[in-house]
Protein backbone atom coordinates (compact mmCIF):
# COMPACT_ATOMS: atom_id res chain seq x y z
CA MET A 1 -8.20 -7.42 13.42
CA SER A 2 -11.99 -5.46 15.83
CA PRO A 3 -11.06 -2.12 15.72
CA THR A 4 -11.64 -0.75 19.62
CA ASN A 5 -15.34 -0.25 20.00
CA ASN A 6 -14.84 4.00 19.92
CA ASN A 7 -13.29 3.65 16.70
CA MET A 8 -15.80 1.57 15.22
CA ASP A 9 -18.48 3.88 16.14
CA ASP A 10 -16.48 7.14 14.40
CA LEU A 11 -16.10 4.51 11.02
CA THR A 12 -19.78 3.88 10.58
CA SER A 13 -20.88 7.41 11.42
CA LEU A 14 -18.09 8.79 9.20
CA MET A 15 -19.51 6.19 6.34
CA GLN A 16 -23.19 7.24 6.45
CA SER A 17 -22.22 10.81 6.15
CA TYR A 18 -19.37 9.78 3.42
CA TYR A 19 -21.45 6.71 1.60
CA GLY A 20 -24.98 7.58 2.21
CA ASP A 21 -26.93 5.72 4.82
CA ASP A 22 -28.70 2.95 3.69
CA PRO A 23 -31.91 2.15 5.26
CA SER A 24 -33.05 -0.60 3.87
CA PRO A 25 -31.74 -4.49 4.94
CA SER A 26 -28.36 -6.17 3.39
CA ARG A 27 -29.89 -8.22 0.71
CA GLY A 28 -30.62 -11.52 2.00
CA GLU A 29 -28.48 -12.77 5.66
CA LYS A 30 -24.43 -11.78 5.75
CA ARG A 31 -22.44 -14.48 3.91
CA SER A 32 -20.80 -16.90 4.99
CA LEU A 33 -17.40 -15.84 2.91
CA THR A 34 -14.48 -17.75 1.82
CA THR A 35 -11.06 -15.69 1.70
CA ASP A 36 -7.23 -15.74 1.28
CA THR A 37 -7.30 -13.44 4.92
CA LYS A 38 -5.48 -15.29 7.79
CA GLU A 39 -4.87 -14.96 11.27
CA THR A 40 -2.39 -17.05 12.73
CA SER A 41 -3.63 -19.31 16.07
CA SER A 42 -3.68 -16.97 19.30
CA LYS A 43 -0.89 -17.71 21.59
CA LYS A 44 0.09 -16.95 25.33
CA ARG A 45 2.20 -13.84 25.96
CA ASP A 46 6.04 -14.62 26.48
CA SER A 47 6.21 -13.20 30.80
CA GLY A 48 10.48 -14.29 30.46
CA SER A 49 10.40 -10.67 27.30
CA ASN A 50 7.46 -9.47 28.00
CA GLY A 51 7.06 -9.75 24.33
CA TRP A 52 4.10 -11.13 22.25
CA SER A 53 4.36 -14.74 20.79
CA GLY A 54 1.43 -14.69 18.47
CA THR A 55 -1.29 -12.75 17.48
CA GLY A 56 -3.12 -12.89 20.86
CA ASN A 57 -6.24 -11.04 21.27
CA VAL A 58 -5.82 -8.06 19.72
CA ASP A 59 -8.68 -6.04 21.38
CA GLU A 60 -6.10 -5.99 24.05
CA GLU A 61 -3.28 -5.05 22.32
CA ALA A 62 -2.90 -0.98 22.26
CA GLN A 63 -0.35 -1.31 19.56
CA PHE A 64 -2.80 -3.25 17.31
CA GLU A 65 -5.91 -0.23 17.05
CA THR A 66 -6.99 0.55 13.93
CA ALA A 67 -6.04 3.71 12.43
CA LYS A 68 -8.15 6.40 13.43
CA THR A 69 -9.18 8.29 10.68
CA VAL A 70 -10.33 11.93 10.56
CA GLY A 71 -12.12 11.81 7.29
CA LEU A 72 -12.34 9.13 5.11
CA SER A 73 -12.45 9.24 1.08
CA PHE A 74 -15.66 8.96 -0.84
CA PRO A 75 -16.74 7.71 -4.76
CA ALA A 76 -16.95 11.31 -5.80
CA LEU A 77 -13.77 12.19 -4.79
CA GLU A 78 -11.66 9.20 -6.05
CA VAL A 79 -12.77 10.13 -9.85
CA TRP A 80 -12.23 13.25 -9.24
CA LEU A 81 -8.63 12.40 -8.15
CA ARG A 82 -8.49 9.96 -11.11
CA ASP A 83 -8.90 12.32 -13.30
CA THR A 84 -6.74 15.34 -11.84
CA LEU A 85 -3.70 12.88 -11.35
CA ARG A 86 -4.07 11.95 -15.09
CA LYS A 87 -3.40 15.36 -16.35
CA VAL A 88 -0.25 15.68 -13.50
CA HIS A 89 0.97 12.75 -15.86
CA PHE A 90 0.06 14.22 -18.91
CA LYS A 91 1.71 17.92 -17.69
CA LEU A 92 4.97 15.26 -17.63
CA GLU A 93 4.71 13.78 -20.84
CA CYS A 94 4.13 17.20 -22.50
CA ALA A 95 7.01 18.96 -20.64
CA CYS A 96 9.25 16.20 -21.72
CA LYS A 97 8.42 16.29 -25.56
CA GLU A 98 8.38 19.91 -25.35
CA GLN A 99 12.16 19.73 -24.05
CA LEU A 100 13.23 16.63 -24.77
CA GLY A 101 11.87 16.01 -28.38
CA GLU A 102 9.77 12.85 -28.76
CA ASP A 103 12.31 10.96 -30.12
CA LYS A 104 14.14 10.75 -26.95
CA CYS A 105 10.93 10.43 -24.66
CA LYS A 106 10.61 6.87 -25.91
CA TYR A 107 13.57 6.27 -23.12
CA LEU A 108 11.22 7.20 -20.80
CA ALA A 109 7.84 5.06 -21.72
CA LEU A 110 6.16 8.28 -21.66
CA LYS A 111 4.38 8.29 -25.14
CA SER A 112 0.31 9.04 -25.07
CA SER A 113 -0.48 5.38 -24.73
CA VAL A 114 0.92 4.71 -21.20
CA THR A 115 -1.42 6.46 -19.11
CA LEU A 116 -1.93 5.88 -15.37
CA ARG A 117 -4.17 2.89 -15.64
CA ASN A 118 -1.30 1.07 -17.26
CA GLY A 119 1.44 2.01 -14.61
CA ASP A 120 4.37 4.28 -15.27
CA ALA A 121 7.39 3.65 -13.06
CA LEU A 122 9.07 6.76 -13.72
CA PHE A 123 5.98 8.70 -12.47
CA ASP A 124 4.99 6.38 -10.05
CA GLN A 125 8.50 6.53 -8.37
CA TRP A 126 7.93 10.67 -8.80
CA LEU A 127 4.46 10.68 -7.25
CA PHE A 128 5.57 8.64 -4.11
CA ASP A 129 8.46 10.74 -3.64
CA ALA A 130 6.26 13.98 -3.35
CA LEU A 131 3.86 12.85 -1.83
CA LEU A 132 6.29 11.53 1.27
CA LYS A 133 7.28 15.61 0.95
CA SER A 134 3.70 16.92 1.07
CA GLU A 135 2.99 18.71 4.57
CA SER A 136 -1.12 17.98 3.86
CA ASN A 137 -3.43 15.88 1.97
CA ASP A 138 -5.98 18.63 1.50
CA TYR A 139 -6.91 17.49 -2.09
CA GLY A 140 -6.67 13.24 -0.55
CA LEU A 141 -3.85 11.43 0.15
CA ILE A 142 -2.97 10.84 -3.19
CA LEU A 143 -2.36 14.21 -4.51
CA PRO A 144 0.78 16.20 -3.58
CA ASP A 145 0.42 19.37 -2.19
CA ALA A 146 2.57 22.34 -4.08
CA LYS A 147 5.30 21.85 -1.37
CA GLY A 148 5.71 18.14 -1.46
CA VAL A 149 5.73 18.56 -5.65
CA GLY A 150 8.15 21.58 -5.40
CA LYS A 151 10.64 19.24 -2.77
CA SER A 152 10.49 16.26 -5.43
CA LYS A 153 12.57 18.49 -8.14
CA ARG A 154 16.05 16.89 -7.38
CA PHE A 155 14.36 13.38 -7.10
CA LEU A 156 12.87 13.83 -10.43
CA VAL A 157 15.83 15.29 -12.51
CA GLN A 158 17.70 11.86 -11.14
CA LEU A 159 15.28 10.08 -11.99
CA LEU A 160 15.08 11.47 -15.96
CA THR A 161 18.85 11.03 -15.83
CA GLN A 162 18.68 7.58 -15.00
CA ASN A 163 16.56 6.61 -17.29
CA MET A 164 18.38 8.35 -20.16
CA SER A 165 21.34 7.01 -19.24
CA SER A 166 21.75 5.33 -22.94
CA ILE A 167 21.51 8.70 -24.68
CA LYS A 168 23.29 11.77 -24.42
CA VAL A 169 21.05 14.63 -22.77
CA ASP A 170 22.33 17.75 -21.43
CA ASP A 171 21.96 17.95 -17.63
CA ASP A 172 20.48 22.09 -18.81
CA ILE A 173 17.99 20.62 -20.25
CA VAL A 174 16.68 17.63 -17.94
CA GLU A 175 16.76 20.59 -15.07
CA LYS A 176 14.07 23.01 -17.58
CA THR A 177 12.11 19.97 -18.31
CA VAL A 178 11.85 19.46 -14.51
CA GLU A 179 11.34 23.10 -13.55
CA VAL A 180 8.67 23.77 -16.42
CA PHE A 181 6.74 20.38 -15.25
CA ILE A 182 6.85 21.12 -11.29
CA ALA A 183 5.88 25.10 -12.51
CA ASP A 184 3.09 23.98 -14.22
CA VAL A 185 1.92 21.61 -11.63
CA VAL A 186 1.95 23.37 -8.75
CA LYS A 187 0.04 26.42 -10.51
CA SER A 188 -3.01 24.10 -11.39
CA LEU A 189 -2.97 22.57 -7.87
CA LEU A 190 -3.78 26.47 -6.87
CA LYS A 191 -6.58 26.37 -8.85
CA LEU A 192 -8.11 22.87 -7.73
CA ASN A 193 -12.27 22.43 -6.67
CA PRO A 194 -12.76 18.96 -5.05
CA PRO A 195 -16.15 17.79 -4.59
CA ARG A 196 -17.48 17.73 -1.09
CA HIS A 197 -18.70 14.36 0.48
CA ASP A 198 -22.12 16.84 1.65
CA SER A 199 -22.78 18.15 -1.88
CA LYS A 200 -25.71 16.87 -3.12
CA LYS A 201 -24.22 16.55 -6.39
CA HIS A 202 -21.49 14.09 -5.46
CA ARG A 203 -24.00 11.94 -3.61
CA LYS A 204 -24.83 9.61 -6.06
CA ARG A 205 -25.01 5.97 -4.76
CA VAL A 206 -22.98 2.92 -5.58
CA THR A 207 -24.33 0.46 -7.68
CA ILE A 208 -23.69 -3.52 -8.00
CA LEU A 209 -24.07 -4.12 -11.85
CA LYS A 210 -23.31 -7.95 -12.13
CA GLU A 211 -22.40 -10.27 -9.78
CA SER A 212 -21.46 -13.35 -11.04
CA SER A 213 -18.81 -16.57 -9.92
CA SER A 214 -15.86 -15.15 -11.22
CA ASN A 215 -16.31 -11.07 -10.80
CA VAL A 216 -18.66 -8.40 -9.50
CA GLU A 217 -18.89 -5.22 -11.20
CA LEU A 218 -19.96 -1.94 -9.93
CA GLN A 219 -20.68 1.82 -10.78
CA PHE A 220 -20.79 5.16 -9.75
CA LYS A 221 -22.00 7.76 -12.24
CA LYS A 222 -20.48 6.66 -15.50
CA THR A 223 -17.62 4.96 -13.89
CA LYS A 224 -17.97 0.89 -13.93
CA LEU A 225 -14.97 -1.02 -12.02
CA ALA A 226 -14.78 -5.04 -11.94
CA ILE A 227 -13.30 -7.21 -9.05
CA ARG A 228 -12.38 -11.01 -9.12
CA ARG A 229 -15.22 -12.38 -7.13
CA GLU A 230 -12.77 -14.31 -4.35
CA HIS A 231 -11.00 -10.27 -3.81
CA PHE A 232 -14.89 -9.34 -3.29
CA ASP A 233 -15.57 -11.92 -0.74
CA LYS A 234 -12.01 -11.40 0.82
CA LEU A 235 -13.09 -7.32 1.32
CA ARG A 236 -16.36 -7.99 2.43
CA LYS A 237 -15.63 -10.17 5.55
CA LEU A 238 -12.67 -7.40 6.51
CA PHE A 239 -15.86 -5.19 6.13
CA GLU A 240 -17.89 -6.80 8.28
CA LYS A 241 -15.89 -7.63 11.14
CA SER A 242 -14.41 -3.66 10.80
CA ASN A 243 -17.74 -2.44 10.88
CA PRO A 244 -19.92 -4.98 12.14
CA ASP A 245 -23.10 -2.55 12.18
CA ALA A 246 -22.27 -0.76 8.55
CA THR A 247 -24.96 -1.26 5.70
CA GLU A 248 -24.83 -2.38 2.30
CA GLN A 249 -25.05 0.79 0.99
CA GLY A 250 -21.82 1.96 3.02
CA PHE A 251 -20.13 -1.35 1.88
CA SER A 252 -20.78 -0.80 -1.77
CA GLY A 253 -19.14 2.86 -0.96
CA ALA A 254 -16.36 1.94 0.37
CA ILE A 255 -15.16 -1.08 -1.71
CA PHE A 256 -15.85 1.41 -4.68
CA THR A 257 -13.34 4.11 -3.12
CA LEU A 258 -11.46 1.51 -1.86
CA MET A 259 -11.34 -0.14 -6.09
CA GLN A 260 -10.76 3.26 -7.72
CA ARG A 261 -7.89 4.45 -5.32
CA TYR A 262 -5.86 1.58 -6.58
CA ASP A 263 -7.00 1.39 -10.18
CA THR A 264 -5.38 5.40 -10.15
CA LEU A 265 -2.36 4.90 -8.64
CA GLY A 266 -1.86 1.48 -11.36
CA GLY A 267 2.02 1.46 -10.61
CA HIS A 268 1.47 -3.33 -10.65
CA GLY A 269 5.81 -3.15 -9.79
CA PHE A 270 4.83 -0.82 -6.46
CA GLN A 271 1.95 -2.80 -5.27
CA ALA A 272 3.70 -6.59 -5.78
CA ALA A 273 3.31 -9.28 -2.88
CA ILE A 274 4.13 -12.17 -1.68
CA SER A 275 3.12 -15.33 -2.06
CA PRO A 276 1.18 -17.50 0.62
CA GLN A 277 3.32 -19.92 0.33
CA VAL A 278 5.96 -17.36 1.80
CA PHE A 279 3.86 -16.22 4.68
CA ASP A 280 3.17 -19.39 5.67
CA VAL A 281 6.95 -20.02 6.22
CA LEU A 282 7.31 -16.48 7.61
CA THR A 283 4.46 -17.04 10.52
CA SER A 284 5.38 -20.71 11.18
CA ARG A 285 8.98 -19.63 11.61
CA PHE A 286 8.82 -16.55 13.14
CA ASP A 287 5.51 -15.65 14.42
CA ILE A 288 4.31 -13.15 12.05
CA GLU A 289 1.68 -10.92 13.19
CA ALA A 290 0.77 -8.20 10.98
CA GLU A 291 2.27 -6.82 7.74
CA CYS A 292 3.87 -3.25 7.57
CA PHE A 293 3.03 -2.81 3.81
CA ALA A 294 -0.15 -3.77 1.91
CA SER A 295 -3.69 -3.32 1.39
CA PRO A 296 -7.25 -4.59 1.63
CA LEU A 297 -6.77 -6.27 -1.66
CA ASN A 298 -3.74 -7.97 -1.23
CA CYS A 299 -3.49 -8.61 2.93
CA TYR A 300 -2.85 -12.00 3.69
CA LEU A 301 -3.01 -11.02 7.30
CA SER A 302 -5.80 -9.79 9.24
CA ARG A 303 -3.51 -6.81 10.69
CA PHE A 304 -1.81 -4.60 8.10
CA CYS A 305 -0.82 -1.66 7.73
CA SER A 306 -1.38 0.14 4.59
CA ALA A 307 -0.50 4.03 2.66
CA PHE A 308 -4.51 4.83 2.50
CA PRO A 309 -6.34 4.89 6.03
CA ASP A 310 -8.79 7.51 4.32
CA THR A 311 -9.93 4.37 2.17
CA ASP A 312 -8.54 1.57 4.03
CA ALA A 313 -9.54 2.15 7.77
CA PRO A 314 -13.40 0.55 6.88
CA PHE A 315 -11.41 -2.76 6.05
CA GLY A 316 -9.17 -2.93 9.50
CA SER A 317 -6.16 -0.80 8.39
CA LEU A 318 -3.82 0.02 11.09
CA GLY A 319 -2.62 3.10 9.20
CA SER A 320 0.66 4.27 7.76
CA PHE A 321 3.78 2.05 9.09
CA PHE A 322 5.28 5.15 9.87
CA ASP A 323 2.82 6.00 12.61
CA PHE A 324 2.89 2.14 13.82
CA LYS A 325 5.05 2.28 17.22
CA PRO A 326 4.88 -1.36 18.19
CA LEU A 327 7.39 -2.43 21.24
CA PHE A 328 7.61 -6.09 20.74
CA GLY A 329 6.38 -8.51 18.24
CA SER A 330 7.03 -10.15 14.84
CA PHE A 331 6.26 -8.37 11.49
CA GLU A 332 6.46 -8.25 7.55
CA ALA A 333 7.96 -5.71 5.58
CA ASN A 334 7.37 -5.80 1.72
CA PRO A 335 7.81 -1.88 1.00
CA PRO A 336 6.99 0.15 -2.58
CA PHE A 337 10.25 0.03 -4.16
CA VAL A 338 10.80 3.35 -3.93
CA SER A 339 14.34 4.45 -2.40
CA SER A 340 12.47 7.20 -0.73
CA VAL A 341 10.11 5.15 0.94
CA VAL A 342 12.54 2.34 1.78
CA GLU A 343 14.99 4.99 3.13
CA ARG A 344 12.17 6.15 5.80
CA MET A 345 11.42 2.89 6.46
CA SER A 346 14.81 1.87 7.43
CA THR A 347 14.74 4.70 9.74
CA HIS A 348 12.03 4.47 11.41
CA ILE A 349 12.63 0.54 12.39
CA LEU A 350 16.10 1.53 13.32
CA THR A 351 14.21 3.95 16.09
CA LEU A 352 11.74 1.10 16.96
CA MET A 353 14.44 -1.34 17.53
CA ASN A 354 15.98 0.64 19.54
CA THR A 355 13.56 1.53 21.94
CA SER A 356 12.81 -2.01 22.07
CA GLU A 357 16.75 -3.39 22.85
CA GLU A 358 16.32 -0.71 25.71
CA LYS A 359 13.36 -2.40 26.92
CA GLU A 360 14.98 -5.88 26.06
CA LEU A 361 11.95 -7.08 24.44
CA SER A 362 11.38 -9.10 21.11
CA LEU A 363 11.06 -6.82 18.21
CA CYS A 364 11.46 -8.68 14.77
CA PHE A 365 11.40 -7.40 11.22
CA VAL A 366 11.63 -9.83 8.01
CA VAL A 367 11.97 -6.83 5.31
CA ILE A 368 11.93 -7.69 1.47
CA VAL A 369 13.34 -5.27 -0.97
CA PRO A 370 15.24 -5.49 -4.20
CA SER A 371 18.95 -5.79 -3.84
CA LYS A 372 19.81 -2.60 -4.84
CA PHE A 373 18.85 -1.77 -1.49
CA ARG A 374 21.13 -3.77 0.49
CA GLU A 375 23.27 -1.60 2.35
CA THR A 376 21.08 0.47 3.69
CA LEU A 377 19.14 -2.63 5.56
CA CYS A 378 22.58 -4.44 6.61
CA SER A 379 24.29 -0.80 7.73
CA SER A 380 22.15 -1.69 11.03
CA SER A 381 23.41 -2.69 14.26
CA PHE A 382 20.70 -5.12 14.44
CA HIS A 383 20.58 -6.64 11.02
CA ARG A 384 20.96 -10.59 11.40
CA GLU A 385 20.94 -12.53 8.50
CA LEU A 386 20.44 -12.02 4.64
CA ILE A 387 18.90 -14.13 2.45
CA VAL A 388 19.49 -13.58 -2.13
CA LEU A 389 16.80 -14.44 -4.36
CA ASP A 390 17.89 -14.48 -7.76
CA HIS A 391 15.55 -12.63 -10.48
CA ARG A 392 15.38 -16.11 -12.17
CA SER A 393 14.36 -18.20 -9.41
CA HIS A 394 11.01 -16.36 -7.66
CA LEU A 395 7.89 -15.27 -7.80
CA TYR A 396 5.34 -12.75 -6.80
CA LEU A 397 2.10 -12.21 -7.01
CA GLN A 398 0.77 -8.79 -9.31
CA GLY A 399 -0.24 -5.49 -7.37
CA ALA A 400 -3.49 -5.98 -9.79
CA GLN A 401 -4.33 -9.33 -8.92
CA GLN A 402 -7.99 -8.11 -8.50
CA LYS A 403 -8.89 -7.20 -11.05
CA ASP A 404 -10.74 -9.64 -14.18
CA LYS A 405 -8.36 -11.60 -16.27
CA ALA A 406 -5.19 -10.12 -14.10
CA ARG A 407 -2.12 -12.28 -13.86
CA ARG A 408 -2.01 -13.83 -10.51
CA LYS A 409 1.76 -14.64 -10.81
CA VAL A 410 4.69 -12.60 -12.01
CA ALA A 411 8.24 -12.92 -12.43
CA SER A 412 10.48 -10.99 -10.04
CA THR A 413 12.52 -8.46 -12.73
CA CYS A 414 15.33 -8.00 -10.07
CA ASP A 415 16.92 -9.84 -7.30
CA THR A 416 15.58 -9.19 -4.30
CA ASP A 417 17.00 -9.93 -0.82
CA VAL A 418 15.45 -11.07 2.74
CA HIS A 419 16.67 -9.31 5.91
CA ILE A 420 16.13 -10.62 8.58
CA ILE A 421 15.90 -7.81 11.68
CA GLN A 422 16.04 -8.40 15.68
CA THR A 423 17.02 -7.51 18.63
CA SER A 424 18.97 -9.53 20.72
CA ARG A 425 16.18 -10.87 22.89
CA ALA A 426 14.59 -11.66 19.44
CA MET A 427 17.47 -13.25 17.69
CA LYS A 428 17.17 -16.19 20.73
CA LYS A 429 13.41 -16.05 20.25
CA TRP A 430 13.45 -16.66 16.49
CA PRO A 431 16.35 -17.88 15.75
CA VAL A 432 17.46 -18.25 11.94
CA THR A 433 18.72 -21.71 10.82
CA GLU A 434 20.01 -22.54 7.61
CA GLN A 435 16.66 -25.17 7.07
CA ILE A 436 15.05 -21.59 7.45
CA LYS A 437 16.61 -20.22 4.70
CA LEU A 438 16.07 -23.13 2.65
CA GLU A 439 11.97 -23.20 3.41
CA ILE A 440 11.75 -19.70 2.58
CA CYS A 441 13.99 -19.96 -0.68
CA LYS A 442 11.29 -22.60 -1.78
CA ALA A 443 8.66 -20.97 -1.43
CA PHE A 444 9.70 -17.64 -2.96
CA GLU A 445 9.77 -20.04 -6.16
CA GLN A 446 6.16 -21.79 -5.74
């Protein structure tokens, strides 16, 4: 997806400021790249519904403008955020050990060997909830503010209680554990001193250490990150499409910043994506034209919403799904499997459906979530079909598939539901037959 000229100029200027302007030409000519990122064929407007039956000319579609980014993140800030979040994770670990005892902490997967880099479902779920409840992003989009941390107290109590349901733990002790952790984090947030992008101290450039046919290694100061070659090439193509005038240093800084953000988050279970085979069915049967929850690393379509426009905008992100307000079209939604995110997504989709229905337009969402969220989605009057996938019969793409030596496909750990949510007009435009249901099920098995 190509951004508007104004957005393109803004991004180019920001990247020169945040990543450093490289006056030298790019190494060699622009490369001809192969990528998994695909676009469906352009289709004409549906004059009967004023809707949109395919990808069309994105430059003419206001609902597909790229994220209007106020500020970009940068390498030094991402390294600082990584270290800061690791400290927050350690605070939770310490609070649990001190209040609950080390013998009980094994039920929470909070041993010292468990770090953010390896992923921790309990910590990740709390972090997502605190971020959603935060009112500012003064320290970057992955570090919650004091209000968000405070408001997440009840949710963390519920998480700890659920994780320790097999053993007897006094409710007061769980409450005390969370209170100690929350107070410690809030106190530390008030003392933070993040790096500034305009500080010479933090303007060291990102370098490409090694390149091979299988992977690429980047370095910023002492931090090294490796990425699969196919993903590096995919990101270059997305970057060049959104920033045709950007420099090589701009690309190196942007890709390191992006990689460090998602490496910090870890959370493989929250970044799993559906396979190309599933997308092939959805794009052919429902004319899916954008992904509601993706990243530059795992997007299949070149149009996608993502959680972090401060790192993803240089690669074409439309911004947060919760700021995305299409009136018509067909979209795929595979959100992080966190209750607060799924509930907010459901509310947002319902609002969009009501508006589209009033205007008699065709709006469709194919939503893919664990079966535990079934009631949340099925309660909508726009819910048309439900496809249930047994956890033993389908696969996802791993969230960390961009990393060297990472497994590409992983088995699902829970049953999955595919929900078809449509306005009345969309239901006629994209009817769900038994054959289509079968095709979706078979695609998930591959």
